[in-house]
Amino acid sequence: MLVKVLAFTGSEFNTHHPLWRNKMAFELPALPYEKNALEPHISAETLEYHYGKHHATYVTKLNGLVEGTDMASKSLEDIVKNSEGGVFNNAAQIWNHTFYWNSLSPNGGGEPTGALADAINAKWGSFADFKAALNDKAVNNFGSSWTWLVKKADGSLDIVNTSNAATPLTDASLTPLLTVDLWEHAYYIDYRNVRPKYLEGFWALANWDFAASNFA
């Protein structure tokens, strides 16, 4: 069966985007770049395993879990917001990983500009202090986890940690802007267990255009 594979780049990724599936099954969204595009910070080998095996497995498992249930006709976001257990874990990990791929760009790095930069300065005083705060949260985020830059309901920013498959998508008061995946499969091939070195690579790839589009 021919399937429609979805790619999200920049402002095309919308945290409320309905197009996460075809009429028969959830599909693995296409990467917004080639698997070697993030080198030397994240290797093509890491993408082969992280995207090609881990992310793909969540899709396969979710399809098996929802087949023949009322969840089979729902959007991915609806499932994330209204499920628990294995269904939630796999659905949320599909969403989290797609958001993560779009949080990275071979043309990323540097610092944000415009309204997002102003909001960062208003919260932390400077980009350097924001970077230090996110590094501290990420390095100390225990185990398999995610660290997120989010916008709160009042328009201010914050950094939040989640564990396992948990995601700010389930909190109506938060809008995720950018994330870093802290499960070891995200960085073990390239950095072994040295999470701070992986974070250096993350900053070199951080997609501020994507974050700004989510902030707007």
N, C-alpha and C. Protein backbone atom coordinates (compact mmCIF):
# COMPACT_ATOMS: atom_id res chain seq x y z
N MET A 1 0.84 -1.19 0.00
CA MET A 1 0.00 0.00 0.00
C MET A 1 0.87 1.24 0.00
N LEU A 2 0.59 2.19 -0.85
CA LEU A 2 1.32 3.44 -0.85
C LEU A 2 0.89 4.27 0.34
N VAL A 3 1.85 4.92 0.97
CA VAL A 3 1.54 5.73 2.13
C VAL A 3 2.11 7.12 1.93
N LYS A 4 1.51 8.07 2.62
CA LYS A 4 1.99 9.44 2.59
C LYS A 4 2.92 9.65 3.76
N VAL A 5 4.17 9.99 3.47
CA VAL A 5 5.13 10.25 4.52
C VAL A 5 5.21 11.74 4.73
N LEU A 6 5.16 12.18 5.98
CA LEU A 6 5.08 13.59 6.29
C LEU A 6 6.42 14.11 6.75
N ALA A 7 6.84 15.23 6.21
CA ALA A 7 8.04 15.91 6.68
C ALA A 7 7.64 17.26 7.22
N PHE A 8 8.24 17.67 8.33
CA PHE A 8 7.94 18.96 8.92
C PHE A 8 9.23 19.75 9.04
N THR A 9 9.27 20.91 8.45
CA THR A 9 10.44 21.76 8.52
C THR A 9 10.00 23.15 8.89
N GLY A 10 10.74 23.75 9.83
CA GLY A 10 10.44 25.12 10.22
C GLY A 10 9.01 25.30 10.63
N SER A 11 8.37 26.33 10.08
CA SER A 11 7.01 26.67 10.49
C SER A 11 5.98 25.65 10.03
N GLU A 12 6.37 24.69 9.18
CA GLU A 12 5.41 23.68 8.76
C GLU A 12 5.03 22.77 9.92
N PHE A 13 5.92 22.64 10.91
CA PHE A 13 5.59 21.83 12.08
C PHE A 13 4.71 22.67 12.98
N ASN A 14 3.56 22.15 13.29
CA ASN A 14 2.61 22.85 14.15
C ASN A 14 2.24 21.89 15.26
N THR A 15 2.34 22.32 16.50
CA THR A 15 2.03 21.41 17.60
C THR A 15 0.57 21.01 17.63
N HIS A 16 -0.24 21.60 16.76
CA HIS A 16 -1.64 21.19 16.63
C HIS A 16 -1.93 20.66 15.22
N HIS A 17 -0.89 20.24 14.52
CA HIS A 17 -1.03 19.77 13.14
C HIS A 17 -1.81 18.47 13.10
N PRO A 18 -2.87 18.37 12.28
CA PRO A 18 -3.68 17.16 12.26
C PRO A 18 -3.13 16.05 11.39
N LEU A 19 -2.17 16.36 10.53
CA LEU A 19 -1.78 15.39 9.50
C LEU A 19 -0.67 14.46 9.99
N TRP A 20 -1.01 13.61 10.93
CA TRP A 20 -0.04 12.67 11.47
C TRP A 20 -0.26 11.26 10.95
N ARG A 21 -1.23 11.03 10.07
CA ARG A 21 -1.54 9.67 9.67
C ARG A 21 -2.26 9.66 8.34
N ASN A 22 -2.23 8.50 7.69
CA ASN A 22 -3.15 8.32 6.58
C ASN A 22 -4.39 7.63 7.13
N LYS A 23 -5.30 7.24 6.29
CA LYS A 23 -6.58 6.73 6.77
C LYS A 23 -6.46 5.32 7.37
N MET A 24 -5.34 4.66 7.14
CA MET A 24 -5.22 3.28 7.60
C MET A 24 -4.32 3.13 8.83
N ALA A 25 -3.24 3.91 8.92
CA ALA A 25 -2.27 3.69 10.00
C ALA A 25 -1.41 4.92 10.18
N PHE A 26 -0.85 5.03 11.36
CA PHE A 26 0.14 6.09 11.59
C PHE A 26 1.40 5.76 10.81
N GLU A 27 2.07 6.81 10.34
CA GLU A 27 3.27 6.65 9.53
C GLU A 27 4.44 7.39 10.16
N LEU A 28 5.63 6.93 9.88
CA LEU A 28 6.84 7.59 10.37
C LEU A 28 7.08 8.85 9.55
N PRO A 29 7.02 10.04 10.17
CA PRO A 29 7.28 11.26 9.40
C PRO A 29 8.70 11.27 8.85
N ALA A 30 8.87 11.79 7.66
CA ALA A 30 10.22 11.88 7.07
C ALA A 30 11.05 12.89 7.83
N LEU A 31 12.35 12.63 7.91
CA LEU A 31 13.25 13.61 8.50
C LEU A 31 13.27 14.88 7.64
N PRO A 32 13.47 16.04 8.26
CA PRO A 32 13.54 17.28 7.49
C PRO A 32 14.93 17.55 6.90
N TYR A 33 15.81 16.53 6.90
CA TYR A 33 17.16 16.65 6.35
C TYR A 33 17.69 15.24 6.13
N GLU A 34 18.81 15.12 5.44
CA GLU A 34 19.43 13.82 5.23
C GLU A 34 20.02 13.30 6.54
N LYS A 35 20.21 12.01 6.64
CA LYS A 35 20.68 11.42 7.89
C LYS A 35 22.10 11.85 8.26
N ASN A 36 22.88 12.29 7.27
CA ASN A 36 24.24 12.74 7.58
C ASN A 36 24.33 14.26 7.73
N ALA A 37 23.19 14.94 7.68
CA ALA A 37 23.20 16.41 7.64
C ALA A 37 23.60 17.05 8.96
N LEU A 38 23.50 16.31 10.06
CA LEU A 38 23.80 16.88 11.37
C LEU A 38 25.24 16.62 11.81
N GLU A 39 26.00 15.93 10.96
CA GLU A 39 27.41 15.68 11.29
C GLU A 39 28.20 16.99 11.26
N PRO A 40 29.24 17.12 12.10
CA PRO A 40 29.85 16.10 12.95
C PRO A 40 29.23 15.99 14.34
N HIS A 41 28.17 16.75 14.60
CA HIS A 41 27.62 16.80 15.96
C HIS A 41 26.79 15.57 16.28
N ILE A 42 25.99 15.11 15.33
CA ILE A 42 25.22 13.88 15.46
C ILE A 42 25.43 13.08 14.19
N SER A 43 25.91 11.87 14.33
CA SER A 43 26.33 11.08 13.17
C SER A 43 25.16 10.45 12.43
N ALA A 44 25.43 10.10 11.18
CA ALA A 44 24.44 9.36 10.39
C ALA A 44 24.14 8.02 11.04
N GLU A 45 25.13 7.42 11.69
CA GLU A 45 24.89 6.14 12.37
C GLU A 45 23.88 6.31 13.50
N THR A 46 24.00 7.40 14.25
CA THR A 46 23.01 7.66 15.30
C THR A 46 21.62 7.81 14.70
N LEU A 47 21.52 8.54 13.59
CA LEU A 47 20.21 8.71 12.96
C LEU A 47 19.65 7.39 12.45
N GLU A 48 20.53 6.53 11.95
CA GLU A 48 20.08 5.23 11.48
C GLU A 48 19.39 4.45 12.60
N TYR A 49 19.95 4.51 13.78
CA TYR A 49 19.37 3.78 14.91
C TYR A 49 18.26 4.56 15.59
N HIS A 50 18.51 5.83 15.87
CA HIS A 50 17.56 6.63 16.64
C HIS A 50 16.27 6.86 15.86
N TYR A 51 16.41 7.30 14.62
CA TYR A 51 15.24 7.53 13.78
C TYR A 51 14.76 6.24 13.12
N GLY A 52 15.70 5.55 12.48
CA GLY A 52 15.32 4.39 11.66
C GLY A 52 14.85 3.19 12.43
N LYS A 53 15.25 3.08 13.70
CA LYS A 53 14.84 1.92 14.51
C LYS A 53 13.97 2.34 15.70
N HIS A 54 14.47 3.22 16.57
CA HIS A 54 13.70 3.58 17.76
C HIS A 54 12.40 4.31 17.40
N HIS A 55 12.51 5.40 16.65
CA HIS A 55 11.32 6.17 16.29
C HIS A 55 10.35 5.29 15.48
N ALA A 56 10.89 4.54 14.53
CA ALA A 56 10.04 3.69 13.70
C ALA A 56 9.34 2.62 14.53
N THR A 57 10.01 2.09 15.55
CA THR A 57 9.40 1.06 16.38
C THR A 57 8.20 1.60 17.16
N TYR A 58 8.29 2.85 17.63
CA TYR A 58 7.13 3.45 18.31
C TYR A 58 5.91 3.49 17.38
N VAL A 59 6.15 3.80 16.11
CA VAL A 59 5.05 3.85 15.15
C VAL A 59 4.44 2.47 14.97
N THR A 60 5.29 1.47 14.78
CA THR A 60 4.80 0.10 14.61
C THR A 60 4.01 -0.37 15.82
N LYS A 61 4.54 -0.09 17.00
CA LYS A 61 3.87 -0.53 18.23
C LYS A 61 2.53 0.18 18.42
N LEU A 62 2.50 1.49 18.14
CA LEU A 62 1.24 2.21 18.32
C LEU A 62 0.18 1.67 17.38
N ASN A 63 0.54 1.42 16.14
CA ASN A 63 -0.44 0.87 15.21
C ASN A 63 -1.00 -0.46 15.71
N GLY A 64 -0.14 -1.30 16.27
CA GLY A 64 -0.63 -2.58 16.80
C GLY A 64 -1.54 -2.40 18.00
N LEU A 65 -1.26 -1.39 18.81
CA LEU A 65 -2.05 -1.18 20.03
C LEU A 65 -3.43 -0.58 19.75
N VAL A 66 -3.52 0.29 18.73
CA VAL A 66 -4.80 0.98 18.50
C VAL A 66 -5.67 0.29 17.46
N GLU A 67 -5.12 -0.65 16.72
CA GLU A 67 -5.90 -1.33 15.69
C GLU A 67 -7.16 -1.95 16.29
N GLY A 68 -8.31 -1.65 15.70
CA GLY A 68 -9.56 -2.21 16.16
C GLY A 68 -10.16 -1.54 17.37
N THR A 69 -9.57 -0.42 17.81
CA THR A 69 -10.10 0.33 18.95
C THR A 69 -10.60 1.70 18.47
N ASP A 70 -11.27 2.43 19.38
CA ASP A 70 -11.74 3.75 19.00
C ASP A 70 -10.59 4.73 18.80
N MET A 71 -9.41 4.39 19.32
CA MET A 71 -8.23 5.24 19.13
C MET A 71 -7.75 5.23 17.68
N ALA A 72 -8.13 4.21 16.93
CA ALA A 72 -7.62 4.06 15.57
C ALA A 72 -8.03 5.20 14.65
N SER A 73 -9.12 5.89 15.00
CA SER A 73 -9.59 6.99 14.14
C SER A 73 -9.17 8.36 14.66
N LYS A 74 -8.44 8.39 15.76
CA LYS A 74 -8.07 9.67 16.37
C LYS A 74 -6.72 10.16 15.85
N SER A 75 -6.49 11.45 15.99
CA SER A 75 -5.19 12.01 15.62
C SER A 75 -4.16 11.63 16.67
N LEU A 76 -2.89 11.74 16.30
CA LEU A 76 -1.83 11.42 17.24
C LEU A 76 -1.93 12.29 18.49
N GLU A 77 -2.17 13.57 18.30
CA GLU A 77 -2.25 14.48 19.45
C GLU A 77 -3.41 14.12 20.36
N ASP A 78 -4.55 13.75 19.79
CA ASP A 78 -5.68 13.33 20.62
C ASP A 78 -5.32 12.11 21.45
N ILE A 79 -4.60 11.17 20.85
CA ILE A 79 -4.21 9.98 21.58
C ILE A 79 -3.26 10.34 22.72
N VAL A 80 -2.27 11.20 22.42
CA VAL A 80 -1.32 11.60 23.47
C VAL A 80 -2.06 12.23 24.65
N LYS A 81 -3.04 13.05 24.36
CA LYS A 81 -3.75 13.80 25.41
C LYS A 81 -4.79 12.97 26.15
N ASN A 82 -5.17 11.83 25.60
CA ASN A 82 -6.30 11.09 26.17
C ASN A 82 -6.02 9.60 26.33
N SER A 83 -4.78 9.25 26.62
CA SER A 83 -4.45 7.83 26.76
C SER A 83 -3.47 7.65 27.92
N GLU A 84 -3.17 6.41 28.21
CA GLU A 84 -2.22 6.08 29.26
C GLU A 84 -1.56 4.76 28.91
N GLY A 85 -0.61 4.36 29.73
CA GLY A 85 0.06 3.08 29.53
C GLY A 85 0.81 3.00 28.22
N GLY A 86 0.79 1.82 27.61
CA GLY A 86 1.55 1.60 26.38
C GLY A 86 1.11 2.46 25.22
N VAL A 87 -0.18 2.71 25.11
CA VAL A 87 -0.67 3.57 24.03
C VAL A 87 -0.08 4.97 24.18
N PHE A 88 -0.16 5.53 25.38
CA PHE A 88 0.43 6.85 25.61
C PHE A 88 1.92 6.86 25.34
N ASN A 89 2.63 5.89 25.88
CA ASN A 89 4.09 5.88 25.74
C ASN A 89 4.52 5.91 24.29
N ASN A 90 3.90 5.09 23.46
CA ASN A 90 4.30 5.02 22.06
C ASN A 90 3.83 6.25 21.27
N ALA A 91 2.62 6.71 21.52
CA ALA A 91 2.12 7.89 20.82
C ALA A 91 2.94 9.12 21.19
N ALA A 92 3.21 9.29 22.47
CA ALA A 92 3.98 10.46 22.91
C ALA A 92 5.40 10.42 22.38
N GLN A 93 5.98 9.24 22.31
CA GLN A 93 7.34 9.15 21.79
C GLN A 93 7.40 9.43 20.29
N ILE A 94 6.38 9.08 19.55
CA ILE A 94 6.32 9.48 18.14
C ILE A 94 6.31 11.00 18.05
N TRP A 95 5.43 11.63 18.82
CA TRP A 95 5.31 13.09 18.78
C TRP A 95 6.59 13.77 19.27
N ASN A 96 7.12 13.31 20.40
CA ASN A 96 8.32 13.91 20.95
C ASN A 96 9.49 13.84 19.98
N HIS A 97 9.66 12.68 19.35
CA HIS A 97 10.80 12.52 18.44
C HIS A 97 10.65 13.40 17.21
N THR A 98 9.46 13.50 16.66
CA THR A 98 9.28 14.36 15.49
C THR A 98 9.55 15.82 15.86
N PHE A 99 9.13 16.21 17.05
CA PHE A 99 9.42 17.57 17.52
C PHE A 99 10.92 17.77 17.70
N TYR A 100 11.59 16.76 18.21
CA TYR A 100 13.05 16.82 18.40
C TYR A 100 13.77 16.96 17.07
N TRP A 101 13.42 16.15 16.07
CA TRP A 101 14.11 16.28 14.77
C TRP A 101 13.98 17.69 14.22
N ASN A 102 12.84 18.30 14.44
CA ASN A 102 12.64 19.66 13.94
C ASN A 102 13.27 20.71 14.84
N SER A 103 13.66 20.31 16.05
CA SER A 103 14.40 21.22 16.94
C SER A 103 15.86 21.33 16.54
N LEU A 104 16.28 20.49 15.61
CA LEU A 104 17.66 20.48 15.11
C LEU A 104 17.68 20.89 13.65
N SER A 105 18.76 21.50 13.23
CA SER A 105 18.91 21.88 11.82
C SER A 105 20.38 21.94 11.47
N PRO A 106 20.75 21.46 10.28
CA PRO A 106 22.15 21.62 9.85
C PRO A 106 22.53 23.09 9.70
N ASN A 107 21.54 23.97 9.62
CA ASN A 107 21.78 25.41 9.54
C ASN A 107 21.48 26.11 10.86
N GLY A 108 21.42 25.32 11.94
CA GLY A 108 21.06 25.87 13.24
C GLY A 108 22.26 26.41 13.99
N GLY A 109 22.08 26.53 15.30
CA GLY A 109 23.13 27.07 16.15
C GLY A 109 23.00 28.57 16.31
N GLY A 110 23.97 29.15 16.94
CA GLY A 110 23.94 30.59 17.17
C GLY A 110 22.90 30.96 18.21
N GLU A 111 22.31 32.13 18.04
CA GLU A 111 21.33 32.62 19.00
C GLU A 111 20.05 33.03 18.28
N PRO A 112 18.92 32.97 18.97
CA PRO A 112 17.68 33.45 18.37
C PRO A 112 17.67 34.96 18.25
N THR A 113 16.75 35.47 17.47
CA THR A 113 16.59 36.90 17.30
C THR A 113 15.12 37.27 17.54
N GLY A 114 14.82 38.53 17.48
CA GLY A 114 13.44 39.00 17.51
C GLY A 114 12.76 38.75 18.84
N ALA A 115 11.46 38.45 18.76
CA ALA A 115 10.63 38.32 19.95
C ALA A 115 11.10 37.20 20.86
N LEU A 116 11.56 36.09 20.29
CA LEU A 116 12.04 34.99 21.11
C LEU A 116 13.28 35.40 21.89
N ALA A 117 14.19 36.09 21.25
CA ALA A 117 15.38 36.58 21.96
C ALA A 117 15.00 37.53 23.08
N ASP A 118 14.03 38.39 22.82
CA ASP A 118 13.57 39.33 23.85
C ASP A 118 12.99 38.57 25.05
N ALA A 119 12.22 37.50 24.77
CA ALA A 119 11.61 36.73 25.85
C ALA A 119 12.67 35.99 26.66
N ILE A 120 13.69 35.49 25.99
CA ILE A 120 14.79 34.82 26.70
C ILE A 120 15.51 35.81 27.60
N ASN A 121 15.79 36.99 27.09
CA ASN A 121 16.47 38.00 27.90
C ASN A 121 15.61 38.46 29.07
N ALA A 122 14.30 38.54 28.85
CA ALA A 122 13.40 38.96 29.93
C ALA A 122 13.38 37.93 31.05
N LYS A 123 13.50 36.66 30.73
CA LYS A 123 13.44 35.60 31.73
C LYS A 123 14.78 35.36 32.40
N TRP A 124 15.86 35.26 31.60
CA TRP A 124 17.15 34.85 32.14
C TRP A 124 18.21 35.95 32.15
N GLY A 125 17.94 37.08 31.51
CA GLY A 125 18.89 38.18 31.50
C GLY A 125 19.80 38.21 30.31
N SER A 126 20.16 37.04 29.78
CA SER A 126 21.01 36.95 28.59
C SER A 126 20.90 35.56 28.01
N PHE A 127 21.30 35.42 26.75
CA PHE A 127 21.30 34.10 26.13
C PHE A 127 22.28 33.18 26.85
N ALA A 128 23.42 33.70 27.25
CA ALA A 128 24.42 32.88 27.95
C ALA A 128 23.85 32.30 29.24
N ASP A 129 23.09 33.12 29.98
CA ASP A 129 22.51 32.63 31.23
C ASP A 129 21.39 31.62 30.96
N PHE A 130 20.62 31.84 29.89
CA PHE A 130 19.61 30.85 29.49
C PHE A 130 20.27 29.53 29.12
N LYS A 131 21.33 29.59 28.35
CA LYS A 131 22.03 28.38 27.93
C LYS A 131 22.55 27.62 29.14
N ALA A 132 23.11 28.34 30.09
CA ALA A 132 23.61 27.70 31.31
C ALA A 132 22.47 27.05 32.09
N ALA A 133 21.33 27.72 32.15
CA ALA A 133 20.17 27.18 32.88
C ALA A 133 19.66 25.91 32.22
N LEU A 134 19.55 25.90 30.88
CA LEU A 134 19.07 24.71 30.19
C LEU A 134 20.07 23.57 30.32
N ASN A 135 21.37 23.88 30.21
CA ASN A 135 22.38 22.84 30.39
C ASN A 135 22.27 22.20 31.77
N ASP A 136 22.07 23.04 32.79
CA ASP A 136 21.97 22.52 34.15
C ASP A 136 20.75 21.60 34.30
N LYS A 137 19.61 22.03 33.75
CA LYS A 137 18.40 21.21 33.81
C LYS A 137 18.60 19.90 33.05
N ALA A 138 19.24 19.97 31.89
CA ALA A 138 19.40 18.78 31.05
C ALA A 138 20.41 17.80 31.64
N VAL A 139 21.53 18.30 32.10
CA VAL A 139 22.55 17.42 32.67
C VAL A 139 22.02 16.69 33.90
N ASN A 140 21.17 17.36 34.66
CA ASN A 140 20.66 16.78 35.90
C ASN A 140 19.28 16.15 35.76
N ASN A 141 18.81 16.01 34.53
CA ASN A 141 17.53 15.35 34.26
C ASN A 141 17.79 13.85 34.27
N PHE A 142 17.32 13.18 35.31
CA PHE A 142 17.73 11.80 35.56
C PHE A 142 17.15 10.83 34.53
N GLY A 143 18.00 9.91 34.08
CA GLY A 143 17.54 8.78 33.28
C GLY A 143 17.05 9.16 31.90
N SER A 144 16.14 8.35 31.37
CA SER A 144 15.57 8.56 30.04
C SER A 144 14.59 9.73 30.13
N SER A 145 14.88 10.81 29.43
CA SER A 145 14.15 12.05 29.72
C SER A 145 14.27 13.05 28.57
N TRP A 146 13.58 14.16 28.74
CA TRP A 146 13.57 15.26 27.77
C TRP A 146 13.67 16.58 28.53
N THR A 147 14.35 17.56 27.95
CA THR A 147 14.34 18.92 28.49
C THR A 147 13.77 19.83 27.42
N TRP A 148 12.84 20.70 27.82
CA TRP A 148 12.05 21.50 26.90
C TRP A 148 12.15 22.99 27.21
N LEU A 149 12.27 23.80 26.18
CA LEU A 149 12.00 25.23 26.28
C LEU A 149 10.53 25.41 25.95
N VAL A 150 9.78 26.05 26.86
CA VAL A 150 8.34 26.18 26.66
C VAL A 150 7.90 27.63 26.87
N LYS A 151 6.76 27.95 26.27
CA LYS A 151 6.09 29.23 26.54
C LYS A 151 4.92 28.96 27.45
N LYS A 152 4.82 29.74 28.51
CA LYS A 152 3.71 29.60 29.45
C LYS A 152 2.51 30.42 28.98
N ALA A 153 1.39 30.22 29.65
CA ALA A 153 0.16 30.88 29.23
C ALA A 153 0.26 32.40 29.25
N ASP A 154 1.10 32.94 30.14
CA ASP A 154 1.27 34.39 30.20
C ASP A 154 2.27 34.94 29.21
N GLY A 155 2.81 34.07 28.34
CA GLY A 155 3.73 34.49 27.31
C GLY A 155 5.19 34.43 27.71
N SER A 156 5.48 34.20 28.98
CA SER A 156 6.86 34.08 29.43
C SER A 156 7.40 32.69 29.14
N LEU A 157 8.69 32.53 29.28
CA LEU A 157 9.35 31.27 28.96
C LEU A 157 9.73 30.51 30.22
N ASP A 158 9.96 29.22 30.05
CA ASP A 158 10.45 28.40 31.14
C ASP A 158 11.17 27.19 30.55
N ILE A 159 11.91 26.49 31.37
CA ILE A 159 12.55 25.24 31.00
C ILE A 159 11.94 24.15 31.87
N VAL A 160 11.43 23.09 31.25
CA VAL A 160 10.82 22.01 32.01
C VAL A 160 11.45 20.68 31.62
N ASN A 161 11.55 19.81 32.61
CA ASN A 161 12.03 18.45 32.39
C ASN A 161 10.86 17.48 32.41
N THR A 162 10.92 16.48 31.55
CA THR A 162 9.98 15.37 31.60
C THR A 162 10.76 14.06 31.58
N SER A 163 10.13 13.01 32.07
CA SER A 163 10.77 11.70 32.12
C SER A 163 10.07 10.72 31.19
N ASN A 164 10.84 9.77 30.70
CA ASN A 164 10.31 8.72 29.82
C ASN A 164 9.60 9.34 28.62
N ALA A 165 8.31 9.08 28.43
CA ALA A 165 7.60 9.62 27.27
C ALA A 165 6.83 10.89 27.58
N ALA A 166 6.86 11.35 28.82
CA ALA A 166 6.05 12.51 29.21
C ALA A 166 6.40 13.73 28.36
N THR A 167 5.38 14.55 28.10
CA THR A 167 5.52 15.64 27.15
C THR A 167 4.68 16.84 27.60
N PRO A 168 5.15 18.06 27.37
CA PRO A 168 4.33 19.23 27.70
C PRO A 168 3.09 19.35 26.85
N LEU A 169 2.97 18.55 25.81
CA LEU A 169 1.76 18.56 25.00
C LEU A 169 0.52 18.27 25.83
N THR A 170 0.68 17.56 26.93
CA THR A 170 -0.47 17.21 27.77
C THR A 170 -0.83 18.32 28.76
N ASP A 171 -0.07 19.40 28.78
CA ASP A 171 -0.33 20.53 29.68
C ASP A 171 -0.81 21.70 28.84
N ALA A 172 -2.09 22.02 28.94
CA ALA A 172 -2.67 23.07 28.11
C ALA A 172 -2.08 24.44 28.38
N SER A 173 -1.40 24.59 29.50
CA SER A 173 -0.82 25.90 29.84
C SER A 173 0.56 26.10 29.24
N LEU A 174 1.10 25.08 28.59
CA LEU A 174 2.45 25.15 28.03
C LEU A 174 2.44 24.94 26.52
N THR A 175 3.29 25.69 25.83
CA THR A 175 3.52 25.50 24.40
C THR A 175 4.99 25.14 24.21
N PRO A 176 5.30 23.92 23.77
CA PRO A 176 6.70 23.56 23.56
C PRO A 176 7.30 24.33 22.39
N LEU A 177 8.52 24.81 22.59
CA LEU A 177 9.22 25.57 21.56
C LEU A 177 10.40 24.81 20.98
N LEU A 178 11.11 24.09 21.82
CA LEU A 178 12.33 23.39 21.42
C LEU A 178 12.56 22.28 22.44
N THR A 179 13.15 21.17 22.00
CA THR A 179 13.45 20.10 22.96
C THR A 179 14.78 19.44 22.65
N VAL A 180 15.36 18.86 23.68
CA VAL A 180 16.55 18.02 23.52
C VAL A 180 16.23 16.66 24.12
N ASP A 181 16.45 15.62 23.35
CA ASP A 181 16.20 14.24 23.74
C ASP A 181 17.37 13.77 24.60
N LEU A 182 17.09 13.30 25.81
CA LEU A 182 18.14 12.88 26.74
C LEU A 182 18.12 11.39 27.02
N TRP A 183 17.34 10.63 26.23
CA TRP A 183 17.48 9.18 26.28
C TRP A 183 18.88 8.84 25.75
N GLU A 184 19.54 7.85 26.34
CA GLU A 184 20.92 7.57 25.92
C GLU A 184 21.03 7.17 24.46
N HIS A 185 19.96 6.59 23.88
CA HIS A 185 20.08 6.22 22.47
C HIS A 185 20.21 7.44 21.57
N ALA A 186 19.94 8.64 22.11
CA ALA A 186 20.09 9.86 21.32
C ALA A 186 21.55 10.25 21.14
N TYR A 187 22.44 9.75 22.02
CA TYR A 187 23.81 10.25 21.96
C TYR A 187 24.89 9.22 22.26
N TYR A 188 24.52 7.99 22.63
CA TYR A 188 25.53 7.05 23.10
C TYR A 188 26.54 6.68 22.01
N ILE A 189 26.10 6.53 20.79
CA ILE A 189 27.03 6.16 19.70
C ILE A 189 28.10 7.23 19.53
N ASP A 190 27.71 8.48 19.62
CA ASP A 190 28.64 9.59 19.35
C ASP A 190 29.39 10.05 20.59
N TYR A 191 28.74 10.00 21.75
CA TYR A 191 29.32 10.61 22.96
C TYR A 191 29.40 9.65 24.14
N ARG A 192 29.08 8.38 23.93
CA ARG A 192 28.97 7.42 25.02
C ARG A 192 28.04 7.99 26.10
N ASN A 193 28.45 8.04 27.33
CA ASN A 193 27.54 8.53 28.37
C ASN A 193 27.84 9.97 28.79
N VAL A 194 28.56 10.70 27.96
CA VAL A 194 28.98 12.06 28.32
C VAL A 194 27.93 13.05 27.82
N ARG A 195 26.88 13.21 28.58
CA ARG A 195 25.77 14.07 28.19
C ARG A 195 26.17 15.52 27.94
N PRO A 196 27.08 16.12 28.74
CA PRO A 196 27.46 17.51 28.47
C PRO A 196 28.07 17.72 27.08
N LYS A 197 28.83 16.75 26.58
CA LYS A 197 29.39 16.88 25.23
C LYS A 197 28.29 16.82 24.18
N TYR A 198 27.32 15.96 24.39
CA TYR A 198 26.17 15.90 23.49
C TYR A 198 25.44 17.23 23.47
N LEU A 199 25.31 17.87 24.62
CA LEU A 199 24.64 19.16 24.67
C LEU A 199 25.40 20.23 23.88
N GLU A 200 26.71 20.14 23.85
CA GLU A 200 27.48 21.05 23.01
C GLU A 200 27.07 20.90 21.55
N GLY A 201 26.89 19.66 21.13
CA GLY A 201 26.42 19.42 19.77
C GLY A 201 25.01 19.92 19.55
N PHE A 202 24.16 19.76 20.55
CA PHE A 202 22.79 20.27 20.44
C PHE A 202 22.78 21.77 20.19
N TRP A 203 23.58 22.52 20.93
CA TRP A 203 23.59 23.98 20.75
C TRP A 203 24.08 24.38 19.36
N ALA A 204 24.95 23.57 18.78
CA ALA A 204 25.44 23.86 17.43
C ALA A 204 24.38 23.62 16.37
N LEU A 205 23.33 22.88 16.73
CA LEU A 205 22.28 22.50 15.78
C LEU A 205 20.92 23.10 16.11
N ALA A 206 20.78 23.77 17.24
CA ALA A 206 19.48 24.26 17.70
C ALA A 206 18.79 25.09 16.64
N ASN A 207 17.55 24.72 16.33
CA ASN A 207 16.80 25.34 15.23
C ASN A 207 15.96 26.50 15.78
N TRP A 208 16.54 27.68 15.81
CA TRP A 208 15.85 28.84 16.38
C TRP A 208 14.72 29.32 15.50
N ASP A 209 14.77 29.07 14.20
CA ASP A 209 13.64 29.42 13.34
C ASP A 209 12.41 28.60 13.74
N PHE A 210 12.62 27.32 14.01
CA PHE A 210 11.55 26.44 14.45
C PHE A 210 10.99 26.90 15.80
N ALA A 211 11.88 27.20 16.73
CA ALA A 211 11.44 27.67 18.05
C ALA A 211 10.67 28.96 17.93
N ALA A 212 11.14 29.88 17.08
CA ALA A 212 10.45 31.16 16.92
C ALA A 212 9.07 30.99 16.32
N SER A 213 8.93 30.04 15.39
CA SER A 213 7.62 29.79 14.78
C SER A 213 6.65 29.23 15.80
N ASN A 214 7.12 28.44 16.74
CA ASN A 214 6.27 27.92 17.80
C ASN A 214 5.94 29.01 18.83
N PHE A 215 6.85 29.94 19.03
CA PHE A 215 6.65 31.01 19.99
C PHE A 215 5.64 32.05 19.49
N ALA A 216 5.59 32.23 18.16
CA ALA A 216 4.75 33.29 17.58
C ALA A 216 3.28 33.07 17.87
